[in-house]
């Protein structure tokens, strides 16, 4: 009996659909100031917005801290991970 063959085609121009989200998770290691400063570095958001993100992460366990194209989400994730923050990308 012949073995079925499965073909998966993906054109070179196909990109992951937007939007993508960077999710930051709470931990008991980093201070609020560390998280706030790294959020500003990663996303160029204001200090006020970074404080709001940090508070949401602290009280709810996680927060979406960036929304955008996949490539930019990868960059943001990389900057946040520089200080070992727990981050995920969702699409």
PDB file of N, CA and C in Angstrom:
ATOM      1  N   UNK A   1       0.842  -1.172   0.000  1.00  0.00           N
ATOM      2  CA  UNK A   1       0.000   0.000   0.000  1.00  0.00           C
ATOM      3  C   UNK A   1       0.891   1.240   0.000  1.00  0.00           C
ATOM      4  N   UNK A   2       0.619   2.198  -0.878  1.00  0.00           N
ATOM      5  CA  UNK A   2       1.461   3.391  -0.957  1.00  0.00           C
ATOM      6  C   UNK A   2       1.309   4.265   0.287  1.00  0.00           C
ATOM      7  N   UNK A   3       2.392   4.896   0.620  1.00  0.00           N
ATOM      8  CA  UNK A   3       2.394   5.821   1.751  1.00  0.00           C
ATOM      9  C   UNK A   3       1.879   7.179   1.296  1.00  0.00           C
ATOM     10  N   UNK A   4       0.900   7.738   2.017  1.00  0.00           N
ATOM     11  CA  UNK A   4       0.397   9.051   1.597  1.00  0.00           C
ATOM     12  C   UNK A   4       1.474  10.116   1.749  1.00  0.00           C
ATOM     13  N   UNK A   5       1.467  11.020   0.841  1.00  0.00           N
ATOM     14  CA  UNK A   5       2.432  12.116   0.940  1.00  0.00           C
ATOM     15  C   UNK A   5       1.675  13.391   1.290  1.00  0.00           C
ATOM     16  N   UNK A   6       2.234  14.146   2.186  1.00  0.00           N
ATOM     17  CA  UNK A   6       1.642  15.399   2.626  1.00  0.00           C
ATOM     18  C   UNK A   6       2.490  16.534   2.116  1.00  0.00           C
ATOM     19  N   UNK A   7       1.840  17.450   1.463  1.00  0.00           N
ATOM     20  CA  UNK A   7       2.565  18.597   0.933  1.00  0.00           C
ATOM     21  C   UNK A   7       2.144  19.836   1.710  1.00  0.00           C
ATOM     22  N   UNK A   8       3.121  20.542   2.128  1.00  0.00           N
ATOM     23  CA  UNK A   8       2.870  21.813   2.778  1.00  0.00           C
ATOM     24  C   UNK A   8       3.525  22.875   1.937  1.00  0.00           C
ATOM     25  N   UNK A   9       2.745  23.763   1.413  1.00  0.00           N
ATOM     26  CA  UNK A   9       3.338  24.826   0.615  1.00  0.00           C
ATOM     27  C   UNK A   9       3.210  26.135   1.363  1.00  0.00           C
ATOM     28  N   UNK A  10       4.258  26.878   1.297  1.00  0.00           N
ATOM     29  CA  UNK A  10       4.287  28.184   1.926  1.00  0.00           C
ATOM     30  C   UNK A  10       5.058  29.099   0.998  1.00  0.00           C
ATOM     31  N   UNK A  11       4.403  30.090   0.520  1.00  0.00           N
ATOM     32  CA  UNK A  11       5.085  30.980  -0.406  1.00  0.00           C
ATOM     33  C   UNK A  11       6.108  31.825   0.330  1.00  0.00           C
ATOM     34  N   UNK A  12       7.098  32.263  -0.389  1.00  0.00           N
ATOM     35  CA  UNK A  12       8.148  33.077   0.217  1.00  0.00           C
ATOM     36  C   UNK A  12       7.605  34.393   0.735  1.00  0.00           C
ATOM     37  N   UNK A  13       6.495  34.837   0.173  1.00  0.00           N
ATOM     38  CA  UNK A  13       5.953  36.117   0.609  1.00  0.00           C
ATOM     39  C   UNK A  13       4.996  35.989   1.788  1.00  0.00           C
ATOM     40  N   UNK A  14       4.682  34.758   2.213  1.00  0.00           N
ATOM     41  CA  UNK A  14       3.748  34.628   3.333  1.00  0.00           C
ATOM     42  C   UNK A  14       4.463  34.963   4.632  1.00  0.00           C
ATOM     43  N   UNK A  15       3.825  35.827   5.397  1.00  0.00           N
ATOM     44  CA  UNK A  15       4.360  36.256   6.688  1.00  0.00           C
ATOM     45  C   UNK A  15       3.325  35.933   7.740  1.00  0.00           C
ATOM     46  N   UNK A  16       3.760  35.794   8.972  1.00  0.00           N
ATOM     47  CA  UNK A  16       2.778  35.598  10.034  1.00  0.00           C
ATOM     48  C   UNK A  16       1.811  36.787  10.054  1.00  0.00           C
ATOM     49  N   UNK A  17       0.549  36.487  10.181  1.00  0.00           N
ATOM     50  CA  UNK A  17      -0.462  37.550  10.191  1.00  0.00           C
ATOM     51  C   UNK A  17      -0.324  38.411  11.444  1.00  0.00           C
ATOM     52  N   UNK A  18      -0.618  39.688  11.274  1.00  0.00           N
ATOM     53  CA  UNK A  18      -0.610  40.593  12.417  1.00  0.00           C
ATOM     54  C   UNK A  18      -1.992  40.595  13.037  1.00  0.00           C
ATOM     55  N   UNK A  19      -2.173  41.030  14.225  1.00  0.00           N
ATOM     56  CA  UNK A  19      -1.119  41.520  15.100  1.00  0.00           C
ATOM     57  C   UNK A  19      -0.519  40.407  15.947  1.00  0.00           C
ATOM     58  N   UNK A  20       0.660  40.668  16.438  1.00  0.00           N
ATOM     59  CA  UNK A  20       1.348  39.800  17.383  1.00  0.00           C
ATOM     60  C   UNK A  20       1.472  40.563  18.690  1.00  0.00           C
ATOM     61  N   UNK A  21       1.577  39.833  19.792  1.00  0.00           N
ATOM     62  CA  UNK A  21       1.574  40.438  21.118  1.00  0.00           C
ATOM     63  C   UNK A  21       2.747  39.925  21.945  1.00  0.00           C
ATOM     64  N   UNK A  22       3.411  40.827  22.651  1.00  0.00           N
ATOM     65  CA  UNK A  22       4.450  40.445  23.603  1.00  0.00           C
ATOM     66  C   UNK A  22       3.802  40.452  24.979  1.00  0.00           C
ATOM     67  N   UNK A  23       3.842  39.306  25.647  1.00  0.00           N
ATOM     68  CA  UNK A  23       3.238  39.153  26.963  1.00  0.00           C
ATOM     69  C   UNK A  23       4.354  39.021  27.992  1.00  0.00           C
ATOM     70  N   UNK A  24       4.300  39.863  29.019  1.00  0.00           N
ATOM     71  CA  UNK A  24       5.270  39.838  30.116  1.00  0.00           C
ATOM     72  C   UNK A  24       4.605  39.193  31.323  1.00  0.00           C
ATOM     73  N   UNK A  25       5.301  38.260  31.962  1.00  0.00           N
ATOM     74  CA  UNK A  25       4.776  37.523  33.112  1.00  0.00           C
ATOM     75  C   UNK A  25       5.422  38.007  34.406  1.00  0.00           C
ATOM     76  N   UNK A  26       4.676  37.895  35.479  1.00  0.00           N
ATOM     77  CA  UNK A  26       5.155  38.293  36.799  1.00  0.00           C
ATOM     78  C   UNK A  26       6.215  37.311  37.300  1.00  0.00           C
ATOM     79  N   UNK A  27       7.140  37.827  38.074  1.00  0.00           N
ATOM     80  CA  UNK A  27       8.094  36.976  38.788  1.00  0.00           C
ATOM     81  C   UNK A  27       8.400  37.638  40.127  1.00  0.00           C
ATOM     82  N   UNK A  28       9.078  36.903  40.984  1.00  0.00           N
ATOM     83  CA  UNK A  28       9.427  37.416  42.309  1.00  0.00           C
ATOM     84  C   UNK A  28      10.899  37.814  42.390  1.00  0.00           C
ATOM     85  N   UNK A  29      11.520  38.025  41.244  1.00  0.00           N
ATOM     86  CA  UNK A  29      12.956  38.297  41.202  1.00  0.00           C
ATOM     87  C   UNK A  29      13.243  39.765  40.929  1.00  0.00           C
ATOM     88  N   UNK A  30      12.547  40.354  39.990  1.00  0.00           N
ATOM     89  CA  UNK A  30      12.844  41.716  39.542  1.00  0.00           C
ATOM     90  C   UNK A  30      12.068  42.757  40.335  1.00  0.00           C
ATOM     91  N   UNK A  31      12.706  43.904  40.541  1.00  0.00           N
ATOM     92  CA  UNK A  31      12.035  45.019  41.201  1.00  0.00           C
ATOM     93  C   UNK A  31      11.164  45.753  40.188  1.00  0.00           C
ATOM     94  N   UNK A  32      10.238  46.567  40.704  1.00  0.00           N
ATOM     95  CA  UNK A  32       9.414  47.380  39.808  1.00  0.00           C
ATOM     96  C   UNK A  32      10.301  48.267  38.940  1.00  0.00           C
ATOM     97  N   UNK A  33      11.305  48.877  39.536  1.00  0.00           N
ATOM     98  CA  UNK A  33      12.179  49.782  38.777  1.00  0.00           C
ATOM     99  C   UNK A  33      12.911  49.056  37.656  1.00  0.00           C
ATOM    100  N   UNK A  34      13.404  47.858  37.920  1.00  0.00           N
ATOM    101  CA  UNK A  34      14.074  47.091  36.864  1.00  0.00           C
ATOM    102  C   UNK A  34      13.130  46.817  35.700  1.00  0.00           C
ATOM    103  N   UNK A  35      11.923  46.391  36.018  1.00  0.00           N
ATOM    104  CA  UNK A  35      10.940  46.077  34.982  1.00  0.00           C
ATOM    105  C   UNK A  35      10.558  47.338  34.207  1.00  0.00           C
ATOM    106  N   UNK A  36      10.305  48.419  34.922  1.00  0.00           N
ATOM    107  CA  UNK A  36       9.903  49.676  34.288  1.00  0.00           C
ATOM    108  C   UNK A  36      10.978  50.165  33.324  1.00  0.00           C
ATOM    109  N   UNK A  37      12.217  50.201  33.773  1.00  0.00           N
ATOM    110  CA  UNK A  37      13.297  50.688  32.910  1.00  0.00           C
ATOM    111  C   UNK A  37      13.496  49.796  31.686  1.00  0.00           C
ATOM    112  N   UNK A  38      13.364  48.492  31.863  1.00  0.00           N
ATOM    113  CA  UNK A  38      13.544  47.588  30.725  1.00  0.00           C
ATOM    114  C   UNK A  38      12.379  47.715  29.739  1.00  0.00           C
ATOM    115  N   UNK A  39      11.180  47.946  30.250  1.00  0.00           N
ATOM    116  CA  UNK A  39      10.039  48.169  29.358  1.00  0.00           C
ATOM    117  C   UNK A  39      10.244  49.419  28.511  1.00  0.00           C
ATOM    118  N   UNK A  40      10.762  50.477  29.123  1.00  0.00           N
ATOM    119  CA  UNK A  40      11.033  51.707  28.376  1.00  0.00           C
ATOM    120  C   UNK A  40      12.080  51.436  27.305  1.00  0.00           C
ATOM    121  N   UNK A  41      13.139  50.696  27.652  1.00  0.00           N
ATOM    122  CA  UNK A  41      14.183  50.362  26.673  1.00  0.00           C
ATOM    123  C   UNK A  41      13.620  49.532  25.521  1.00  0.00           C
ATOM    124  N   UNK A  42      12.780  48.580  25.859  1.00  0.00           N
ATOM    125  CA  UNK A  42      12.293  47.635  24.842  1.00  0.00           C
ATOM    126  C   UNK A  42      11.226  48.228  23.938  1.00  0.00           C
ATOM    127  N   UNK A  43      10.343  49.044  24.513  1.00  0.00           N
ATOM    128  CA  UNK A  43       9.173  49.490  23.756  1.00  0.00           C
ATOM    129  C   UNK A  43       9.149  50.983  23.474  1.00  0.00           C
ATOM    130  N   UNK A  44      10.050  51.733  24.079  1.00  0.00           N
ATOM    131  CA  UNK A  44      10.073  53.196  23.961  1.00  0.00           C
ATOM    132  C   UNK A  44       8.789  53.840  24.492  1.00  0.00           C
ATOM    133  N   UNK A  45       8.109  53.150  25.391  1.00  0.00           N
ATOM    134  CA  UNK A  45       6.915  53.725  26.003  1.00  0.00           C
ATOM    135  C   UNK A  45       7.341  54.736  27.073  1.00  0.00           C
ATOM    136  N   UNK A  46       6.396  55.510  27.551  1.00  0.00           N
ATOM    137  CA  UNK A  46       6.685  56.489  28.605  1.00  0.00           C
ATOM    138  C   UNK A  46       6.874  55.772  29.941  1.00  0.00           C
ATOM    139  N   UNK A  47       7.470  56.480  30.888  1.00  0.00           N
ATOM    140  CA  UNK A  47       7.610  55.923  32.235  1.00  0.00           C
ATOM    141  C   UNK A  47       6.246  55.621  32.841  1.00  0.00           C
ATOM    142  N   UNK A  48       5.281  56.481  32.588  1.00  0.00           N
ATOM    143  CA  UNK A  48       3.937  56.270  33.126  1.00  0.00           C
ATOM    144  C   UNK A  48       3.317  54.993  32.572  1.00  0.00           C
ATOM    145  N   UNK A  49       3.476  54.776  31.260  1.00  0.00           N
ATOM    146  CA  UNK A  49       2.932  53.566  30.659  1.00  0.00           C
ATOM    147  C   UNK A  49       3.666  52.337  31.176  1.00  0.00           C
ATOM    148  N   UNK A  50       4.985  52.427  31.321  1.00  0.00           N
ATOM    149  CA  UNK A  50       5.760  51.306  31.842  1.00  0.00           C
ATOM    150  C   UNK A  50       5.344  50.976  33.274  1.00  0.00           C
ATOM    151  N   UNK A  51       5.086  51.995  34.075  1.00  0.00           N
ATOM    152  CA  UNK A  51       4.601  51.767  35.448  1.00  0.00           C
ATOM    153  C   UNK A  51       3.253  51.058  35.428  1.00  0.00           C
ATOM    154  N   UNK A  52       2.371  51.478  34.519  1.00  0.00           N
ATOM    155  CA  UNK A  52       1.055  50.844  34.413  1.00  0.00           C
ATOM    156  C   UNK A  52       1.194  49.378  33.990  1.00  0.00           C
ATOM    157  N   UNK A  53       2.070  49.106  33.023  1.00  0.00           N
ATOM    158  CA  UNK A  53       2.314  47.718  32.617  1.00  0.00           C
ATOM    159  C   UNK A  53       2.833  46.901  33.800  1.00  0.00           C
ATOM    160  N   UNK A  54       3.823  47.438  34.520  1.00  0.00           N
ATOM    161  CA  UNK A  54       4.420  46.723  35.653  1.00  0.00           C
ATOM    162  C   UNK A  54       3.366  46.425  36.717  1.00  0.00           C
ATOM    163  N   UNK A  55       2.486  47.371  36.967  1.00  0.00           N
ATOM    164  CA  UNK A  55       1.440  47.163  37.978  1.00  0.00           C
ATOM    165  C   UNK A  55       0.465  46.072  37.523  1.00  0.00           C
ATOM    166  N   UNK A  56       0.093  46.086  36.244  1.00  0.00           N
ATOM    167  CA  UNK A  56      -0.802  45.055  35.722  1.00  0.00           C
ATOM    168  C   UNK A  56      -0.153  43.679  35.818  1.00  0.00           C
ATOM    169  N   UNK A  57       1.109  43.594  35.459  1.00  0.00           N
ATOM    170  CA  UNK A  57       1.836  42.325  35.562  1.00  0.00           C
ATOM    171  C   UNK A  57       1.849  41.854  37.012  1.00  0.00           C
ATOM    172  N   UNK A  58       2.094  42.764  37.931  1.00  0.00           N
ATOM    173  CA  UNK A  58       2.158  42.425  39.357  1.00  0.00           C
ATOM    174  C   UNK A  58       0.807  41.950  39.881  1.00  0.00           C
ATOM    175  N   UNK A  59      -0.269  42.628  39.516  1.00  0.00           N
ATOM    176  CA  UNK A  59      -1.577  42.317  40.089  1.00  0.00           C
ATOM    177  C   UNK A  59      -2.334  41.214  39.343  1.00  0.00           C
ATOM    178  N   UNK A  60      -2.097  41.094  38.028  1.00  0.00           N
ATOM    179  CA  UNK A  60      -2.838  40.106  37.242  1.00  0.00           C
ATOM    180  C   UNK A  60      -1.993  38.922  36.796  1.00  0.00           C
ATOM    181  N   UNK A  61      -0.696  38.990  37.023  1.00  0.00           N
ATOM    182  CA  UNK A  61       0.186  37.884  36.665  1.00  0.00           C
ATOM    183  C   UNK A  61       0.809  37.980  35.296  1.00  0.00           C
ATOM    184  N   UNK A  62       0.230  38.820  34.430  1.00  0.00           N
ATOM    185  CA  UNK A  62       0.786  39.010  33.088  1.00  0.00           C
ATOM    186  C   UNK A  62       0.123  40.221  32.463  1.00  0.00           C
ATOM    187  N   UNK A  63       0.763  40.728  31.407  1.00  0.00           N
ATOM    188  CA  UNK A  63       0.190  41.842  30.654  1.00  0.00           C
ATOM    189  C   UNK A  63       0.776  41.850  29.257  1.00  0.00           C
ATOM    190  N   UNK A  64      -0.040  42.254  28.296  1.00  0.00           N
ATOM    191  CA  UNK A  64       0.453  42.493  26.949  1.00  0.00           C
ATOM    192  C   UNK A  64       1.133  43.852  26.962  1.00  0.00           C
ATOM    193  N   UNK A  65       2.437  43.866  26.674  1.00  0.00           N
ATOM    194  CA  UNK A  65       3.209  45.108  26.773  1.00  0.00           C
ATOM    195  C   UNK A  65       3.598  45.677  25.418  1.00  0.00           C
ATOM    196  N   UNK A  66       3.326  44.921  24.355  1.00  0.00           N
ATOM    197  CA  UNK A  66       3.625  45.425  23.018  1.00  0.00           C
ATOM    198  C   UNK A  66       2.768  44.671  22.012  1.00  0.00           C
ATOM    199  N   UNK A  67       2.297  45.381  21.000  1.00  0.00           N
ATOM    200  CA  UNK A  67       1.539  44.799  19.901  1.00  0.00           C
ATOM    201  C   UNK A  67       2.124  45.341  18.600  1.00  0.00           C
ATOM    202  N   UNK A  68       2.389  44.430  17.655  1.00  0.00           N
ATOM    203  CA  UNK A  68       2.940  44.891  16.390  1.00  0.00           C
ATOM    204  C   UNK A  68       3.358  43.746  15.506  1.00  0.00           C
ATOM    205  N   UNK A  69       4.160  44.057  14.490  1.00  0.00           N
ATOM    206  CA  UNK A  69       4.648  43.017  13.569  1.00  0.00           C
ATOM    207  C   UNK A  69       5.517  42.001  14.298  1.00  0.00           C
ATOM    208  N   UNK A  70       5.520  40.781  13.790  1.00  0.00           N
ATOM    209  CA  UNK A  70       6.252  39.685  14.435  1.00  0.00           C
ATOM    210  C   UNK A  70       7.731  40.022  14.648  1.00  0.00           C
ATOM    211  N   UNK A  71       8.370  40.588  13.638  1.00  0.00           N
ATOM    212  CA  UNK A  71       9.802  40.886  13.739  1.00  0.00           C
ATOM    213  C   UNK A  71      10.082  41.875  14.872  1.00  0.00           C
ATOM    214  N   UNK A  72       9.210  42.865  15.025  1.00  0.00           N
ATOM    215  CA  UNK A  72       9.399  43.845  16.094  1.00  0.00           C
ATOM    216  C   UNK A  72       9.098  43.220  17.456  1.00  0.00           C
ATOM    217  N   UNK A  73       8.144  42.313  17.503  1.00  0.00           N
ATOM    218  CA  UNK A  73       7.872  41.601  18.750  1.00  0.00           C
ATOM    219  C   UNK A  73       9.083  40.777  19.174  1.00  0.00           C
ATOM    220  N   UNK A  74       9.760  40.172  18.200  1.00  0.00           N
ATOM    221  CA  UNK A  74      10.986  39.424  18.520  1.00  0.00           C
ATOM    222  C   UNK A  74      12.054  40.342  19.114  1.00  0.00           C
ATOM    223  N   UNK A  75      12.185  41.541  18.562  1.00  0.00           N
ATOM    224  CA  UNK A  75      13.163  42.492  19.078  1.00  0.00           C
ATOM    225  C   UNK A  75      12.808  42.906  20.504  1.00  0.00           C
ATOM    226  N   UNK A  76      11.549  43.240  20.739  1.00  0.00           N
ATOM    227  CA  UNK A  76      11.095  43.651  22.070  1.00  0.00           C
ATOM    228  C   UNK A  76      11.320  42.520  23.070  1.00  0.00           C
ATOM    229  N   UNK A  77      10.957  41.313  22.689  1.00  0.00           N
ATOM    230  CA  UNK A  77      11.157  40.140  23.548  1.00  0.00           C
ATOM    231  C   UNK A  77      12.628  39.985  23.913  1.00  0.00           C
ATOM    232  N   UNK A  78      13.501  40.148  22.933  1.00  0.00           N
ATOM    233  CA  UNK A  78      14.931  40.021  23.181  1.00  0.00           C
ATOM    234  C   UNK A  78      15.452  41.042  24.177  1.00  0.00           C
ATOM    235  N   UNK A  79      14.981  42.269  24.076  1.00  0.00           N
ATOM    236  CA  UNK A  79      15.414  43.316  25.012  1.00  0.00           C
ATOM    237  C   UNK A  79      14.907  42.997  26.416  1.00  0.00           C
ATOM    238  N   UNK A  80      13.676  42.572  26.542  1.00  0.00           N
ATOM    239  CA  UNK A  80      13.139  42.235  27.864  1.00  0.00           C
ATOM    240  C   UNK A  80      13.873  41.038  28.469  1.00  0.00           C
ATOM    241  N   UNK A  81      14.250  40.096  27.637  1.00  0.00           N
ATOM    242  CA  UNK A  81      14.955  38.913  28.136  1.00  0.00           C
ATOM    243  C   UNK A  81      16.408  39.199  28.522  1.00  0.00           C
ATOM    244  N   UNK A  82      16.941  40.352  28.159  1.00  0.00           N
ATOM    245  CA  UNK A  82      18.310  40.700  28.540  1.00  0.00           C
ATOM    246  C   UNK A  82      18.504  40.688  30.043  1.00  0.00           C
ATOM    247  N   UNK A  83      17.444  40.959  30.799  1.00  0.00           N
ATOM    248  CA  UNK A  83      17.555  40.907  32.261  1.00  0.00           C
ATOM    249  C   UNK A  83      16.761  39.711  32.812  1.00  0.00           C
ATOM    250  N   UNK A  84      16.504  38.743  31.960  1.00  0.00           N
ATOM    251  CA  UNK A  84      15.849  37.487  32.329  1.00  0.00           C
ATOM    252  C   UNK A  84      14.387  37.641  32.750  1.00  0.00           C
ATOM    253  N   UNK A  85      13.690  38.601  32.137  1.00  0.00           N
ATOM    254  CA  UNK A  85      12.258  38.683  32.338  1.00  0.00           C
ATOM    255  C   UNK A  85      11.601  37.541  31.576  1.00  0.00           C
ATOM    256  N   UNK A  86      10.458  37.074  32.055  1.00  0.00           N
ATOM    257  CA  UNK A  86       9.747  35.970  31.421  1.00  0.00           C
ATOM    258  C   UNK A  86       8.757  36.571  30.436  1.00  0.00           C
ATOM    259  N   UNK A  87       8.959  36.246  29.151  1.00  0.00           N
ATOM    260  CA  UNK A  87       8.215  36.881  28.066  1.00  0.00           C
ATOM    261  C   UNK A  87       7.787  35.827  27.064  1.00  0.00           C
ATOM    262  N   UNK A  88       6.652  36.083  26.408  1.00  0.00           N
ATOM    263  CA  UNK A  88       6.155  35.193  25.375  1.00  0.00           C
ATOM    264  C   UNK A  88       5.600  36.038  24.237  1.00  0.00           C
ATOM    265  N   UNK A  89       5.593  35.481  23.049  1.00  0.00           N
ATOM    266  CA  UNK A  89       4.957  36.143  21.900  1.00  0.00           C
ATOM    267  C   UNK A  89       3.736  35.316  21.528  1.00  0.00           C
ATOM    268  N   UNK A  90       2.620  36.011  21.392  1.00  0.00           N
ATOM    269  CA  UNK A  90       1.370  35.356  20.999  1.00  0.00           C
ATOM    270  C   UNK A  90       0.852  35.975  19.721  1.00  0.00           C
ATOM    271  N   UNK A  91       0.197  35.177  18.920  1.00  0.00           N
ATOM    272  CA  UNK A  91      -0.346  35.695  17.681  1.00  0.00           C
ATOM    273  C   UNK A  91      -1.770  35.299  17.484  1.00  0.00           C
TER     274      UNK A  91
END
